Amino acid sequence: MQWTLSTNVSLGLARSLQELEGAQDDLDRVVAGKSMNIEGLVEDEVILAVPMVPRHEICSLHES
């Protein structure tokens, strides 16, 4: 099954865990460092964007 991923994510960068925990807005944040695993961040966001039960648009649910 082919499925097109479309997502829009904004991540804020925090200097410390205290700054991350003390944020007063709804922006998702990560603690930034000199060496960051960007691939892992992207992978996590892709996993979160995938529906739990993907299905074809032409499929319908049959209730019994």
C-alpha atoms as a PDB file:
ATOM      1  CA  MET A   1       0.000   0.000   0.000  1.00  0.00           C
ATOM      2  CA  GLN A   2       1.365   3.390  -0.914  1.00  0.00           C
ATOM      3  CA  TRP A   3       0.695   6.213   1.494  1.00  0.00           C
ATOM      4  CA  THR A   4       1.720   9.845   1.147  1.00  0.00           C
ATOM      5  CA  LEU A   5       3.094  11.499   4.251  1.00  0.00           C
ATOM      6  CA  SER A   6       2.258  15.143   4.770  1.00  0.00           C
ATOM      7  CA  THR A   7       3.042  16.874   8.033  1.00  0.00           C
ATOM      8  CA  ASN A   8       4.004  20.299   9.285  1.00  0.00           C
ATOM      9  CA  VAL A   9       6.120  20.317  12.430  1.00  0.00           C
ATOM     10  CA  SER A  10       7.721  23.179  14.330  1.00  0.00           C
ATOM     11  CA  LEU A  11      10.283  22.345  16.987  1.00  0.00           C
ATOM     12  CA  GLY A  12      11.869  24.886  19.290  1.00  0.00           C
ATOM     13  CA  LEU A  13      15.403  24.530  20.548  1.00  0.00           C
ATOM     14  CA  ALA A  14      16.084  24.776  24.281  1.00  0.00           C
ATOM     15  CA  ARG A  15      19.501  25.333  25.838  1.00  0.00           C
ATOM     16  CA  SER A  16      18.799  23.156  28.871  1.00  0.00           C
ATOM     17  CA  LEU A  17      16.287  20.758  30.386  1.00  0.00           C
ATOM     18  CA  GLN A  18      15.220  23.523  32.787  1.00  0.00           C
ATOM     19  CA  GLU A  19      14.443  25.836  29.841  1.00  0.00           C
ATOM     20  CA  LEU A  20      12.543  23.013  28.158  1.00  0.00           C
ATOM     21  CA  GLU A  21      10.435  22.301  31.250  1.00  0.00           C
ATOM     22  CA  GLY A  22       9.870  25.984  32.020  1.00  0.00           C
ATOM     23  CA  ALA A  23       8.475  26.902  28.598  1.00  0.00           C
ATOM     24  CA  GLN A  24       5.100  28.625  28.849  1.00  0.00           C
ATOM     25  CA  ASP A  25       3.803  27.954  25.328  1.00  0.00           C
ATOM     26  CA  ASP A  26       2.586  24.951  23.318  1.00  0.00           C
ATOM     27  CA  LEU A  27       5.641  24.709  21.055  1.00  0.00           C
ATOM     28  CA  ASP A  28       7.328  21.299  21.057  1.00  0.00           C
ATOM     29  CA  ARG A  29      10.951  21.686  22.088  1.00  0.00           C
ATOM     30  CA  VAL A  30      14.130  19.629  22.145  1.00  0.00           C
ATOM     31  CA  VAL A  31      17.328  20.285  24.062  1.00  0.00           C
ATOM     32  CA  ALA A  32      19.893  21.484  21.525  1.00  0.00           C
ATOM     33  CA  GLY A  33      23.546  20.595  21.600  1.00  0.00           C
ATOM     34  CA  LYS A  34      26.646  20.799  19.452  1.00  0.00           C
ATOM     35  CA  SER A  35      25.938  17.276  18.255  1.00  0.00           C
ATOM     36  CA  MET A  36      22.298  16.502  17.529  1.00  0.00           C
ATOM     37  CA  ASN A  37      20.717  13.446  15.911  1.00  0.00           C
ATOM     38  CA  ILE A  38      18.562  15.240  13.314  1.00  0.00           C
ATOM     39  CA  GLU A  39      17.820  11.940  11.566  1.00  0.00           C
ATOM     40  CA  GLY A  40      16.330  10.612  14.791  1.00  0.00           C
ATOM     41  CA  LEU A  41      14.182  13.732  15.238  1.00  0.00           C
ATOM     42  CA  VAL A  42      12.820  13.426  11.702  1.00  0.00           C
ATOM     43  CA  GLU A  43      12.203   9.700  12.157  1.00  0.00           C
ATOM     44  CA  ASP A  44      10.254  10.334  15.370  1.00  0.00           C
ATOM     45  CA  GLU A  45       8.063  12.954  13.657  1.00  0.00           C
ATOM     46  CA  VAL A  46       7.366  10.619  10.722  1.00  0.00           C
ATOM     47  CA  ILE A  47       6.338   7.835  13.105  1.00  0.00           C
ATOM     48  CA  LEU A  48       4.027  10.234  14.951  1.00  0.00           C
ATOM     49  CA  ALA A  49       2.443  11.336  11.646  1.00  0.00           C
ATOM     50  CA  VAL A  50       1.545   7.798  10.510  1.00  0.00           C
ATOM     51  CA  PRO A  51      -2.040   6.833  11.369  1.00  0.00           C
ATOM     52  CA  MET A  52      -2.471   3.902  13.734  1.00  0.00           C
ATOM     53  CA  VAL A  53      -4.604   2.075  11.165  1.00  0.00           C
ATOM     54  CA  PRO A  54      -3.838   3.234   7.614  1.00  0.00           C
ATOM     55  CA  ARG A  55      -6.231   2.155   4.888  1.00  0.00           C
ATOM     56  CA  HIS A  56      -6.961   2.833   1.247  1.00  0.00           C
ATOM     57  CA  GLU A  57      -9.278   5.750   0.505  1.00  0.00           C
ATOM     58  CA  ILE A  58     -11.589   3.400  -1.446  1.00  0.00           C
ATOM     59  CA  CYS A  59     -11.927   0.946   1.462  1.00  0.00           C
ATOM     60  CA  SER A  60     -14.920   1.220   3.746  1.00  0.00           C
ATOM     61  CA  LEU A  61     -15.573  -0.199   7.165  1.00  0.00           C
ATOM     62  CA  HIS A  62     -18.283  -2.804   7.362  1.00  0.00           C
ATOM     63  CA  GLU A  63     -20.000  -2.771  10.713  1.00  0.00           C
ATOM     64  CA  SER A  64     -21.726  -5.930  11.817  1.00  0.00           C
END
